[in-house]
Amino acid sequence: MTIHYSFTADELALLADQEFFRKKATISGKIKQILEHLQNRIEAEIASQPLLAPEGFDPQARQFVKGEHLENFPYQYVDFPRFYTRENKFAFRSLIWWGHHMVFALIVEGPLVQQYRRNLFNRYSEVADHHLCLCLSPSLWEWKAGSGLTLPITHDRRSEVAATLDHRTFFKIARFLPLDDPAVETGTIVDEGLKAFQAILPVITK
């Protein structure tokens, strides 16, 4: 039995569009440069910070990742600082997700979560109202934002944030930066990522 595979006119036009792929490669290169610069800025920031990190944490560990299929969209990210085991997670991920947004997120799981939670509420005034959100998904690897997915960390939502974090063994705090944000147009993405990390630091320092 012969099977025929065909493309729509729009699909064929895209498949044959060399300029699209050249632009995609150029954009990907710029994204890598942004992530490298941000990682360097964060590294300088934490050089003098007493991080509350899991045993075995390597302050030099980092990982750059580039993929094509985060819900069928390309993405690039850097994890720095970075520590993952089956029981422990301690990372700051800077993710640029094509077609969606940019995300700067603290990911924590394991025995230190209780102390991170105490830090958050003991230093709540330092963390609140910096465009950060508590991610509500039962998965640490959900990267969408919006109603039912994120809870803004603001002074007037302290009790909601506390109730949401109660008894959790992991959590994620993130800053979501829309692709139409002025910081993207003006080229200050690295500054915004660093600001997000600085706002989160009170949660993960001694």
N, C-alpha and C. Protein backbone atom coordinates (compact mmCIF):
# COMPACT_ATOMS: atom_id res chain seq x y z
N MET A 1 0.85 -1.19 0.00
CA MET A 1 0.00 0.00 0.00
C MET A 1 0.89 1.25 0.00
N THR A 2 0.67 2.13 -0.94
CA THR A 2 1.45 3.35 -1.05
C THR A 2 0.84 4.44 -0.18
N ILE A 3 1.69 5.07 0.62
CA ILE A 3 1.23 6.17 1.47
C ILE A 3 1.85 7.46 0.95
N HIS A 4 1.03 8.46 0.76
CA HIS A 4 1.51 9.76 0.26
C HIS A 4 1.50 10.78 1.40
N TYR A 5 2.60 11.51 1.52
CA TYR A 5 2.70 12.57 2.52
C TYR A 5 2.78 13.90 1.78
N SER A 6 1.95 14.82 2.18
CA SER A 6 1.93 16.12 1.49
C SER A 6 2.01 17.25 2.51
N PHE A 7 2.41 18.41 2.02
CA PHE A 7 2.50 19.61 2.84
C PHE A 7 1.52 20.65 2.32
N THR A 8 1.02 21.48 3.22
CA THR A 8 0.19 22.60 2.79
C THR A 8 1.08 23.64 2.14
N ALA A 9 0.46 24.58 1.44
CA ALA A 9 1.23 25.64 0.80
C ALA A 9 2.02 26.45 1.83
N ASP A 10 1.39 26.74 2.97
CA ASP A 10 2.08 27.48 4.03
C ASP A 10 3.26 26.69 4.58
N GLU A 11 3.07 25.39 4.75
CA GLU A 11 4.15 24.55 5.27
C GLU A 11 5.32 24.49 4.29
N LEU A 12 5.02 24.36 3.02
CA LEU A 12 6.07 24.32 2.00
C LEU A 12 6.84 25.63 1.93
N ALA A 13 6.10 26.74 2.05
CA ALA A 13 6.75 28.05 2.00
C ALA A 13 7.73 28.20 3.16
N LEU A 14 7.31 27.74 4.34
CA LEU A 14 8.19 27.84 5.50
C LEU A 14 9.37 26.89 5.38
N LEU A 15 9.13 25.70 4.90
CA LEU A 15 10.19 24.70 4.73
C LEU A 15 11.27 25.20 3.77
N ALA A 16 10.87 25.96 2.78
CA ALA A 16 11.81 26.44 1.76
C ALA A 16 12.39 27.82 2.08
N ASP A 17 11.95 28.43 3.17
CA ASP A 17 12.35 29.80 3.48
C ASP A 17 13.72 29.81 4.18
N GLN A 18 14.79 29.95 3.42
CA GLN A 18 16.13 29.95 3.99
C GLN A 18 16.35 31.12 4.93
N GLU A 19 15.74 32.25 4.62
CA GLU A 19 15.94 33.44 5.45
C GLU A 19 15.41 33.22 6.86
N PHE A 20 14.29 32.49 6.97
CA PHE A 20 13.74 32.19 8.29
C PHE A 20 14.77 31.46 9.14
N PHE A 21 15.43 30.46 8.56
CA PHE A 21 16.38 29.67 9.32
C PHE A 21 17.65 30.46 9.63
N ARG A 22 18.03 31.36 8.74
CA ARG A 22 19.17 32.23 9.04
C ARG A 22 18.85 33.14 10.23
N LYS A 23 17.65 33.70 10.21
CA LYS A 23 17.24 34.58 11.31
C LYS A 23 17.15 33.80 12.63
N LYS A 24 16.64 32.59 12.55
CA LYS A 24 16.53 31.76 13.75
C LYS A 24 17.91 31.50 14.34
N ALA A 25 18.88 31.20 13.48
CA ALA A 25 20.24 30.95 13.96
C ALA A 25 20.84 32.21 14.59
N THR A 26 20.58 33.37 13.97
CA THR A 26 21.09 34.63 14.52
C THR A 26 20.49 34.91 15.88
N ILE A 27 19.17 34.73 15.99
CA ILE A 27 18.49 34.96 17.27
C ILE A 27 19.02 34.01 18.34
N SER A 28 19.20 32.75 17.98
CA SER A 28 19.70 31.76 18.94
C SER A 28 21.08 32.15 19.45
N GLY A 29 21.92 32.68 18.56
CA GLY A 29 23.24 33.14 18.98
C GLY A 29 23.17 34.30 19.95
N LYS A 30 22.25 35.23 19.69
CA LYS A 30 22.08 36.37 20.60
C LYS A 30 21.57 35.90 21.96
N ILE A 31 20.64 34.95 21.95
CA ILE A 31 20.12 34.42 23.21
C ILE A 31 21.24 33.79 24.03
N LYS A 32 22.12 33.02 23.38
CA LYS A 32 23.24 32.40 24.10
C LYS A 32 24.12 33.47 24.73
N GLN A 33 24.37 34.56 24.01
CA GLN A 33 25.19 35.63 24.55
C GLN A 33 24.52 36.28 25.76
N ILE A 34 23.21 36.48 25.67
CA ILE A 34 22.46 37.05 26.79
C ILE A 34 22.59 36.15 28.02
N LEU A 35 22.38 34.85 27.83
CA LEU A 35 22.44 33.92 28.96
C LEU A 35 23.84 33.85 29.55
N GLU A 36 24.86 33.87 28.69
CA GLU A 36 26.24 33.85 29.19
C GLU A 36 26.55 35.10 30.01
N HIS A 37 26.11 36.25 29.51
CA HIS A 37 26.34 37.51 30.23
C HIS A 37 25.61 37.50 31.57
N LEU A 38 24.37 37.04 31.56
CA LEU A 38 23.61 36.99 32.81
C LEU A 38 24.27 36.04 33.81
N GLN A 39 24.72 34.90 33.33
CA GLN A 39 25.39 33.94 34.22
C GLN A 39 26.64 34.58 34.85
N ASN A 40 27.38 35.34 34.06
CA ASN A 40 28.57 36.02 34.59
C ASN A 40 28.20 37.06 35.64
N ARG A 41 27.11 37.78 35.41
CA ARG A 41 26.66 38.80 36.37
C ARG A 41 26.21 38.14 37.67
N ILE A 42 25.50 37.03 37.56
CA ILE A 42 25.04 36.31 38.75
C ILE A 42 26.23 35.74 39.52
N GLU A 43 27.21 35.22 38.78
CA GLU A 43 28.41 34.67 39.43
C GLU A 43 29.12 35.75 40.25
N ALA A 44 29.22 36.95 39.71
CA ALA A 44 29.83 38.05 40.44
C ALA A 44 28.99 38.43 41.65
N GLU A 45 27.68 38.36 41.50
CA GLU A 45 26.76 38.73 42.59
C GLU A 45 26.90 37.78 43.78
N ILE A 46 27.02 36.49 43.52
CA ILE A 46 27.03 35.52 44.62
C ILE A 46 28.42 35.32 45.22
N ALA A 47 29.43 35.94 44.61
CA ALA A 47 30.80 35.75 45.11
C ALA A 47 30.93 36.16 46.57
N SER A 48 30.15 37.15 46.98
CA SER A 48 30.24 37.64 48.36
C SER A 48 29.00 37.29 49.18
N GLN A 49 28.17 36.38 48.67
CA GLN A 49 26.93 36.03 49.35
C GLN A 49 27.05 34.67 50.04
N PRO A 50 26.63 34.58 51.31
CA PRO A 50 26.66 33.29 52.01
C PRO A 50 25.44 32.44 51.64
N LEU A 51 25.52 31.73 50.53
CA LEU A 51 24.37 30.95 50.07
C LEU A 51 24.06 29.80 51.02
N LEU A 52 22.78 29.57 51.22
CA LEU A 52 22.31 28.41 51.98
C LEU A 52 22.03 27.31 50.97
N ALA A 53 23.04 26.48 50.72
CA ALA A 53 22.96 25.49 49.65
C ALA A 53 23.09 24.08 50.23
N PRO A 54 22.59 23.08 49.50
CA PRO A 54 22.69 21.69 49.97
C PRO A 54 24.15 21.22 50.08
N GLU A 55 24.36 20.24 50.91
CA GLU A 55 25.69 19.64 51.03
C GLU A 55 26.11 19.05 49.69
N GLY A 56 27.33 19.31 49.30
CA GLY A 56 27.83 18.83 48.02
C GLY A 56 27.69 19.84 46.90
N PHE A 57 27.11 21.00 47.19
CA PHE A 57 26.91 22.03 46.18
C PHE A 57 28.25 22.53 45.64
N ASP A 58 28.36 22.63 44.32
CA ASP A 58 29.54 23.16 43.64
C ASP A 58 29.19 24.54 43.09
N PRO A 59 29.77 25.60 43.65
CA PRO A 59 29.41 26.95 43.19
C PRO A 59 29.83 27.25 41.76
N GLN A 60 30.65 26.40 41.16
CA GLN A 60 31.06 26.60 39.77
C GLN A 60 30.18 25.85 38.77
N ALA A 61 29.31 25.00 39.26
CA ALA A 61 28.49 24.18 38.36
C ALA A 61 27.47 25.04 37.62
N ARG A 62 27.31 24.77 36.33
CA ARG A 62 26.34 25.48 35.50
C ARG A 62 26.00 24.60 34.31
N GLN A 63 24.89 24.89 33.67
CA GLN A 63 24.51 24.12 32.48
C GLN A 63 23.74 25.01 31.52
N PHE A 64 24.20 25.02 30.26
CA PHE A 64 23.48 25.70 29.19
C PHE A 64 22.76 24.63 28.37
N VAL A 65 21.50 24.89 28.07
CA VAL A 65 20.68 23.93 27.32
C VAL A 65 19.95 24.66 26.20
N LYS A 66 19.90 24.00 25.04
CA LYS A 66 19.14 24.52 23.89
C LYS A 66 18.29 23.38 23.36
N GLY A 67 17.00 23.64 23.18
CA GLY A 67 16.11 22.60 22.68
C GLY A 67 15.05 23.16 21.76
N GLU A 68 14.25 22.27 21.22
CA GLU A 68 13.25 22.65 20.22
C GLU A 68 11.82 22.32 20.64
N HIS A 69 11.65 21.59 21.72
CA HIS A 69 10.34 21.01 21.97
C HIS A 69 9.83 21.23 23.39
N LEU A 70 9.85 22.47 23.86
CA LEU A 70 9.15 22.80 25.09
C LEU A 70 7.73 23.17 24.68
N GLU A 71 6.85 22.17 24.75
CA GLU A 71 5.49 22.31 24.21
C GLU A 71 5.54 22.76 22.75
N ASN A 72 6.47 22.15 22.00
CA ASN A 72 6.65 22.36 20.56
C ASN A 72 7.26 23.71 20.19
N PHE A 73 7.85 24.40 21.16
CA PHE A 73 8.50 25.68 20.88
C PHE A 73 9.97 25.60 21.27
N PRO A 74 10.85 26.27 20.50
CA PRO A 74 12.27 26.30 20.86
C PRO A 74 12.49 27.01 22.20
N TYR A 75 13.60 26.68 22.84
CA TYR A 75 13.93 27.29 24.12
C TYR A 75 15.43 27.21 24.35
N GLN A 76 15.92 28.10 25.19
CA GLN A 76 17.30 28.06 25.65
C GLN A 76 17.31 28.50 27.11
N TYR A 77 18.16 27.87 27.90
CA TYR A 77 18.27 28.30 29.30
C TYR A 77 19.66 28.02 29.85
N VAL A 78 19.95 28.70 30.96
CA VAL A 78 21.14 28.38 31.75
C VAL A 78 20.68 28.17 33.18
N ASP A 79 21.18 27.12 33.80
CA ASP A 79 20.99 26.89 35.23
C ASP A 79 22.27 27.30 35.94
N PHE A 80 22.19 28.36 36.73
CA PHE A 80 23.32 28.81 37.54
C PHE A 80 22.79 29.74 38.62
N PRO A 81 23.09 29.46 39.90
CA PRO A 81 23.75 28.25 40.39
C PRO A 81 22.92 27.00 40.09
N ARG A 82 23.56 25.84 40.26
CA ARG A 82 22.92 24.60 39.84
C ARG A 82 23.34 23.43 40.71
N PHE A 83 22.33 22.73 41.29
CA PHE A 83 22.59 21.50 42.05
C PHE A 83 21.34 20.64 41.97
N TYR A 84 21.48 19.44 41.40
CA TYR A 84 20.35 18.53 41.28
C TYR A 84 20.75 17.13 41.74
N THR A 85 19.95 16.56 42.65
CA THR A 85 20.01 15.14 42.95
C THR A 85 18.57 14.64 43.02
N ARG A 86 18.41 13.37 43.30
CA ARG A 86 17.04 12.85 43.40
C ARG A 86 16.27 13.54 44.54
N GLU A 87 16.97 13.83 45.64
CA GLU A 87 16.30 14.39 46.81
C GLU A 87 16.39 15.91 46.89
N ASN A 88 17.40 16.50 46.27
CA ASN A 88 17.65 17.93 46.41
C ASN A 88 17.69 18.64 45.07
N LYS A 89 17.09 19.82 45.06
CA LYS A 89 17.20 20.70 43.90
C LYS A 89 17.44 22.11 44.41
N PHE A 90 18.43 22.77 43.82
CA PHE A 90 18.78 24.13 44.19
C PHE A 90 19.36 24.79 42.94
N ALA A 91 18.55 25.60 42.28
CA ALA A 91 18.99 26.16 41.00
C ALA A 91 18.28 27.47 40.71
N PHE A 92 18.95 28.29 39.92
CA PHE A 92 18.33 29.49 39.37
C PHE A 92 18.37 29.33 37.86
N ARG A 93 17.20 29.22 37.26
CA ARG A 93 17.10 29.00 35.82
C ARG A 93 16.69 30.29 35.10
N SER A 94 17.46 30.65 34.08
CA SER A 94 17.12 31.77 33.20
C SER A 94 16.73 31.17 31.86
N LEU A 95 15.46 31.24 31.55
CA LEU A 95 14.88 30.55 30.39
C LEU A 95 14.30 31.55 29.40
N ILE A 96 14.64 31.38 28.14
CA ILE A 96 14.02 32.16 27.07
C ILE A 96 13.25 31.19 26.19
N TRP A 97 11.93 31.36 26.18
CA TRP A 97 11.02 30.40 25.54
C TRP A 97 10.35 31.08 24.36
N TRP A 98 10.76 30.68 23.17
CA TRP A 98 10.22 31.27 21.94
C TRP A 98 8.69 31.21 21.96
N GLY A 99 8.07 32.30 21.52
CA GLY A 99 6.62 32.33 21.40
C GLY A 99 5.89 32.53 22.72
N HIS A 100 6.62 32.64 23.83
CA HIS A 100 5.98 32.75 25.14
C HIS A 100 6.54 33.93 25.94
N HIS A 101 7.63 33.71 26.67
CA HIS A 101 8.18 34.74 27.54
C HIS A 101 9.57 34.32 28.00
N MET A 102 10.16 35.15 28.82
CA MET A 102 11.40 34.83 29.50
C MET A 102 11.07 34.58 30.97
N VAL A 103 11.82 33.68 31.59
CA VAL A 103 11.56 33.33 32.99
C VAL A 103 12.89 33.29 33.74
N PHE A 104 12.89 33.89 34.92
CA PHE A 104 14.04 33.83 35.82
C PHE A 104 13.52 33.21 37.11
N ALA A 105 13.96 31.98 37.42
CA ALA A 105 13.27 31.21 38.46
C ALA A 105 14.21 30.51 39.42
N LEU A 106 13.87 30.60 40.71
CA LEU A 106 14.50 29.80 41.75
C LEU A 106 13.75 28.48 41.86
N ILE A 107 14.49 27.37 41.82
CA ILE A 107 13.93 26.03 41.95
C ILE A 107 14.56 25.38 43.18
N VAL A 108 13.73 25.00 44.17
CA VAL A 108 14.27 24.35 45.37
C VAL A 108 13.40 23.17 45.76
N GLU A 109 14.07 22.12 46.22
CA GLU A 109 13.39 20.93 46.72
C GLU A 109 14.31 20.24 47.71
N GLY A 110 13.73 19.65 48.76
CA GLY A 110 14.53 18.87 49.69
C GLY A 110 14.49 19.40 51.10
N PRO A 111 15.38 18.90 51.96
CA PRO A 111 15.36 19.23 53.39
C PRO A 111 15.49 20.71 53.71
N LEU A 112 16.16 21.48 52.86
CA LEU A 112 16.36 22.90 53.14
C LEU A 112 15.14 23.76 52.82
N VAL A 113 14.13 23.18 52.23
CA VAL A 113 12.95 23.96 51.85
C VAL A 113 12.31 24.65 53.05
N GLN A 114 12.29 23.99 54.19
CA GLN A 114 11.70 24.61 55.39
C GLN A 114 12.45 25.88 55.76
N GLN A 115 13.78 25.84 55.67
CA GLN A 115 14.56 27.04 55.98
C GLN A 115 14.37 28.12 54.93
N TYR A 116 14.27 27.74 53.66
CA TYR A 116 13.99 28.73 52.61
C TYR A 116 12.64 29.40 52.85
N ARG A 117 11.67 28.60 53.28
CA ARG A 117 10.35 29.16 53.56
C ARG A 117 10.43 30.13 54.74
N ARG A 118 11.17 29.76 55.79
CA ARG A 118 11.33 30.68 56.92
C ARG A 118 12.02 31.96 56.49
N ASN A 119 13.05 31.82 55.66
CA ASN A 119 13.74 33.02 55.16
C ASN A 119 12.78 33.93 54.40
N LEU A 120 11.95 33.32 53.56
CA LEU A 120 11.01 34.11 52.77
C LEU A 120 10.13 34.97 53.67
N PHE A 121 9.60 34.38 54.73
CA PHE A 121 8.66 35.14 55.56
C PHE A 121 9.36 36.01 56.59
N ASN A 122 10.56 35.63 57.02
CA ASN A 122 11.32 36.51 57.91
C ASN A 122 11.82 37.74 57.17
N ARG A 123 11.98 37.62 55.85
CA ARG A 123 12.50 38.72 55.03
C ARG A 123 11.50 39.11 53.94
N TYR A 124 10.24 38.92 54.26
CA TYR A 124 9.20 39.09 53.23
C TYR A 124 9.22 40.49 52.62
N SER A 125 9.49 41.49 53.44
CA SER A 125 9.47 42.87 52.92
C SER A 125 10.56 43.09 51.88
N GLU A 126 11.64 42.29 51.93
CA GLU A 126 12.72 42.41 50.95
C GLU A 126 12.38 41.74 49.63
N VAL A 127 11.49 40.75 49.69
CA VAL A 127 11.18 39.94 48.51
C VAL A 127 9.91 40.41 47.79
N ALA A 128 8.94 40.86 48.57
CA ALA A 128 7.63 41.21 48.01
C ALA A 128 7.71 42.44 47.10
N ASP A 129 6.78 42.47 46.16
CA ASP A 129 6.60 43.61 45.25
C ASP A 129 7.82 43.86 44.36
N HIS A 130 8.44 42.76 43.91
CA HIS A 130 9.54 42.84 42.94
C HIS A 130 9.20 42.04 41.68
N HIS A 131 7.91 41.96 41.35
CA HIS A 131 7.43 41.28 40.14
C HIS A 131 7.67 39.77 40.19
N LEU A 132 7.82 39.22 41.39
CA LEU A 132 8.02 37.78 41.54
C LEU A 132 6.69 37.08 41.75
N CYS A 133 6.65 35.81 41.35
CA CYS A 133 5.45 34.99 41.53
C CYS A 133 5.84 33.66 42.15
N LEU A 134 4.93 33.12 42.94
CA LEU A 134 5.05 31.74 43.40
C LEU A 134 4.35 30.87 42.37
N CYS A 135 5.05 29.87 41.86
CA CYS A 135 4.45 28.99 40.85
C CYS A 135 3.62 27.92 41.54
N LEU A 136 2.42 27.69 41.06
CA LEU A 136 1.44 26.85 41.74
C LEU A 136 1.35 25.44 41.21
N SER A 137 1.94 25.16 40.07
CA SER A 137 1.84 23.83 39.48
C SER A 137 2.46 22.78 40.39
N PRO A 138 1.91 21.57 40.41
CA PRO A 138 2.54 20.48 41.17
C PRO A 138 3.85 20.00 40.54
N SER A 139 4.19 20.52 39.39
CA SER A 139 5.46 20.19 38.73
C SER A 139 6.38 21.40 38.73
N LEU A 140 7.65 21.16 39.04
CA LEU A 140 8.64 22.24 38.97
C LEU A 140 8.95 22.63 37.54
N TRP A 141 8.51 21.82 36.59
CA TRP A 141 8.91 22.03 35.19
C TRP A 141 7.79 22.61 34.33
N GLU A 142 6.81 23.22 34.97
CA GLU A 142 5.76 23.97 34.27
C GLU A 142 6.26 25.41 34.12
N TRP A 143 6.24 25.93 32.88
CA TRP A 143 6.82 27.25 32.63
C TRP A 143 5.81 28.27 32.14
N LYS A 144 4.54 27.93 32.18
CA LYS A 144 3.52 28.91 31.82
C LYS A 144 3.15 29.74 33.05
N ALA A 145 2.56 30.90 32.78
CA ALA A 145 2.14 31.81 33.85
C ALA A 145 0.68 32.17 33.64
N GLY A 146 0.07 32.74 34.68
CA GLY A 146 -1.30 33.19 34.54
C GLY A 146 -2.20 32.64 35.63
N SER A 147 -3.48 32.88 35.47
CA SER A 147 -4.47 32.48 36.47
C SER A 147 -4.38 30.98 36.75
N GLY A 148 -4.30 30.64 38.02
CA GLY A 148 -4.22 29.25 38.43
C GLY A 148 -2.83 28.65 38.36
N LEU A 149 -1.90 29.38 37.74
CA LEU A 149 -0.53 28.87 37.59
C LEU A 149 0.49 29.65 38.42
N THR A 150 0.19 30.90 38.71
CA THR A 150 1.12 31.74 39.46
C THR A 150 0.38 32.62 40.45
N LEU A 151 1.04 32.90 41.57
CA LEU A 151 0.51 33.78 42.61
C LEU A 151 1.53 34.89 42.85
N PRO A 152 1.16 36.14 42.56
CA PRO A 152 2.11 37.24 42.77
C PRO A 152 2.55 37.33 44.24
N ILE A 153 3.83 37.53 44.44
CA ILE A 153 4.36 37.69 45.80
C ILE A 153 4.36 39.18 46.12
N THR A 154 3.27 39.61 46.73
CA THR A 154 3.09 41.02 47.09
C THR A 154 2.78 41.12 48.58
N HIS A 155 2.91 42.32 49.13
CA HIS A 155 2.66 42.49 50.56
C HIS A 155 1.25 42.09 50.95
N ASP A 156 0.27 42.39 50.10
CA ASP A 156 -1.12 42.10 50.45
C ASP A 156 -1.50 40.64 50.24
N ARG A 157 -0.59 39.83 49.70
CA ARG A 157 -0.89 38.41 49.49
C ARG A 157 -0.04 37.51 50.40
N ARG A 158 0.52 38.06 51.41
CA ARG A 158 1.40 37.28 52.29
C ARG A 158 0.70 36.04 52.84
N SER A 159 -0.52 36.18 53.31
CA SER A 159 -1.22 35.03 53.89
C SER A 159 -1.51 33.97 52.84
N GLU A 160 -1.82 34.39 51.61
CA GLU A 160 -2.05 33.42 50.53
C GLU A 160 -0.77 32.66 50.19
N VAL A 161 0.32 33.40 50.13
CA VAL A 161 1.61 32.76 49.84
C VAL A 161 1.96 31.76 50.93
N ALA A 162 1.73 32.15 52.19
CA ALA A 162 2.03 31.26 53.31
C ALA A 162 1.20 29.99 53.26
N ALA A 163 -0.09 30.14 52.98
CA ALA A 163 -0.98 28.98 52.92
C ALA A 163 -0.58 28.05 51.77
N THR A 164 -0.17 28.63 50.66
CA THR A 164 0.22 27.82 49.50
C THR A 164 1.50 27.03 49.77
N LEU A 165 2.42 27.63 50.49
CA LEU A 165 3.71 26.98 50.76
C LEU A 165 3.66 26.00 51.92
N ASP A 166 2.60 26.05 52.70
CA ASP A 166 2.50 25.19 53.88
C ASP A 166 2.63 23.71 53.50
N HIS A 167 3.56 23.02 54.13
CA HIS A 167 3.79 21.58 53.95
C HIS A 167 4.39 21.21 52.59
N ARG A 168 4.76 22.18 51.77
CA ARG A 168 5.38 21.84 50.49
C ARG A 168 6.82 21.38 50.69
N THR A 169 7.23 20.38 49.92
CA THR A 169 8.62 19.91 49.97
C THR A 169 9.44 20.50 48.82
N PHE A 170 8.81 21.30 48.00
CA PHE A 170 9.51 21.99 46.91
C PHE A 170 8.73 23.24 46.57
N PHE A 171 9.39 24.20 45.94
CA PHE A 171 8.66 25.35 45.39
C PHE A 171 9.53 26.06 44.35
N LYS A 172 8.86 26.92 43.60
CA LYS A 172 9.54 27.70 42.56
C LYS A 172 9.03 29.13 42.64
N ILE A 173 9.97 30.07 42.67
CA ILE A 173 9.66 31.50 42.64
C ILE A 173 10.22 32.05 41.33
N ALA A 174 9.41 32.78 40.58
CA ALA A 174 9.83 33.18 39.24
C ALA A 174 9.43 34.61 38.90
N ARG A 175 10.22 35.20 38.05
CA ARG A 175 9.88 36.46 37.39
C ARG A 175 9.63 36.13 35.92
N PHE A 176 8.44 36.48 35.44
CA PHE A 176 8.09 36.26 34.04
C PHE A 176 8.20 37.59 33.30
N LEU A 177 8.98 37.59 32.24
CA LEU A 177 9.19 38.80 31.45
C LEU A 177 8.60 38.60 30.06
N PRO A 178 7.50 39.31 29.73
CA PRO A 178 6.89 39.15 28.41
C PRO A 178 7.86 39.56 27.30
N LEU A 179 7.69 38.96 26.14
CA LEU A 179 8.58 39.28 25.02
C LEU A 179 8.35 40.68 24.48
N ASP A 180 7.20 41.29 24.83
CA ASP A 180 6.96 42.67 24.41
C ASP A 180 7.28 43.67 25.52
N ASP A 181 7.95 43.21 26.57
CA ASP A 181 8.37 44.11 27.64
C ASP A 181 9.41 45.09 27.10
N PRO A 182 9.38 46.35 27.55
CA PRO A 182 10.37 47.32 27.08
C PRO A 182 11.82 46.87 27.29
N ALA A 183 12.08 46.06 28.31
CA ALA A 183 13.44 45.59 28.56
C ALA A 183 13.96 44.74 27.41
N VAL A 184 13.07 44.03 26.74
CA VAL A 184 13.47 43.20 25.61
C VAL A 184 13.84 44.09 24.43
N GLU A 185 13.02 45.10 24.19
CA GLU A 185 13.26 46.01 23.06
C GLU A 185 14.52 46.85 23.27
N THR A 186 14.76 47.26 24.52
CA THR A 186 15.90 48.14 24.79
C THR A 186 17.19 47.38 25.09
N GLY A 187 17.11 46.06 25.15
CA GLY A 187 18.31 45.26 25.34
C GLY A 187 18.80 45.18 26.77
N THR A 188 17.90 45.36 27.74
CA THR A 188 18.30 45.30 29.15
C THR A 188 17.79 44.03 29.83
N ILE A 189 17.71 42.95 29.07
CA ILE A 189 17.23 41.67 29.61
C ILE A 189 18.14 41.18 30.74
N VAL A 190 19.44 41.31 30.56
CA VAL A 190 20.38 40.85 31.59
C VAL A 190 20.15 41.60 32.90
N ASP A 191 19.92 42.90 32.81
CA ASP A 191 19.64 43.68 34.02
C ASP A 191 18.39 43.18 34.73
N GLU A 192 17.35 42.86 33.96
CA GLU A 192 16.11 42.37 34.56
C GLU A 192 16.32 41.00 35.21
N GLY A 193 17.09 40.14 34.55
CA GLY A 193 17.38 38.84 35.14
C GLY A 193 18.16 38.96 36.43
N LEU A 194 19.13 39.86 36.45
CA LEU A 194 19.92 40.07 37.66
C LEU A 194 19.05 40.64 38.78
N LYS A 195 18.16 41.57 38.45
CA LYS A 195 17.25 42.12 39.45
C LYS A 195 16.39 41.03 40.06
N ALA A 196 15.92 40.11 39.22
CA ALA A 196 15.11 39.00 39.73
C ALA A 196 15.92 38.15 40.69
N PHE A 197 17.16 37.84 40.33
CA PHE A 197 18.02 37.04 41.20
C PHE A 197 18.28 37.77 42.52
N GLN A 198 18.56 39.06 42.44
CA GLN A 198 18.81 39.84 43.65
C GLN A 198 17.58 39.87 44.56
N ALA A 199 16.40 39.94 43.97
CA ALA A 199 15.17 39.96 44.76
C ALA A 199 14.94 38.62 45.46
N ILE A 200 15.42 37.54 44.85
CA ILE A 200 15.23 36.19 45.40
C ILE A 200 16.31 35.85 46.43
N LEU A 201 17.45 36.51 46.39
CA LEU A 201 18.58 36.18 47.26
C LEU A 201 18.23 36.07 48.74
N PRO A 202 17.38 36.94 49.30
CA PRO A 202 17.07 36.80 50.72
C PRO A 202 16.50 35.43 51.10
N VAL A 203 15.92 34.73 50.14
CA VAL A 203 15.35 33.41 50.41
C VAL A 203 16.44 32.36 50.56
N ILE A 204 17.55 32.54 49.88
CA ILE A 204 18.55 31.46 49.80
C ILE A 204 19.90 31.83 50.40
N THR A 205 19.93 32.89 51.22
CA THR A 205 21.16 33.24 51.92
C THR A 205 21.00 32.99 53.41
N LYS A 206 22.15 32.80 54.07
CA LYS A 206 22.14 32.48 55.50
C LYS A 206 21.78 33.70 56.34
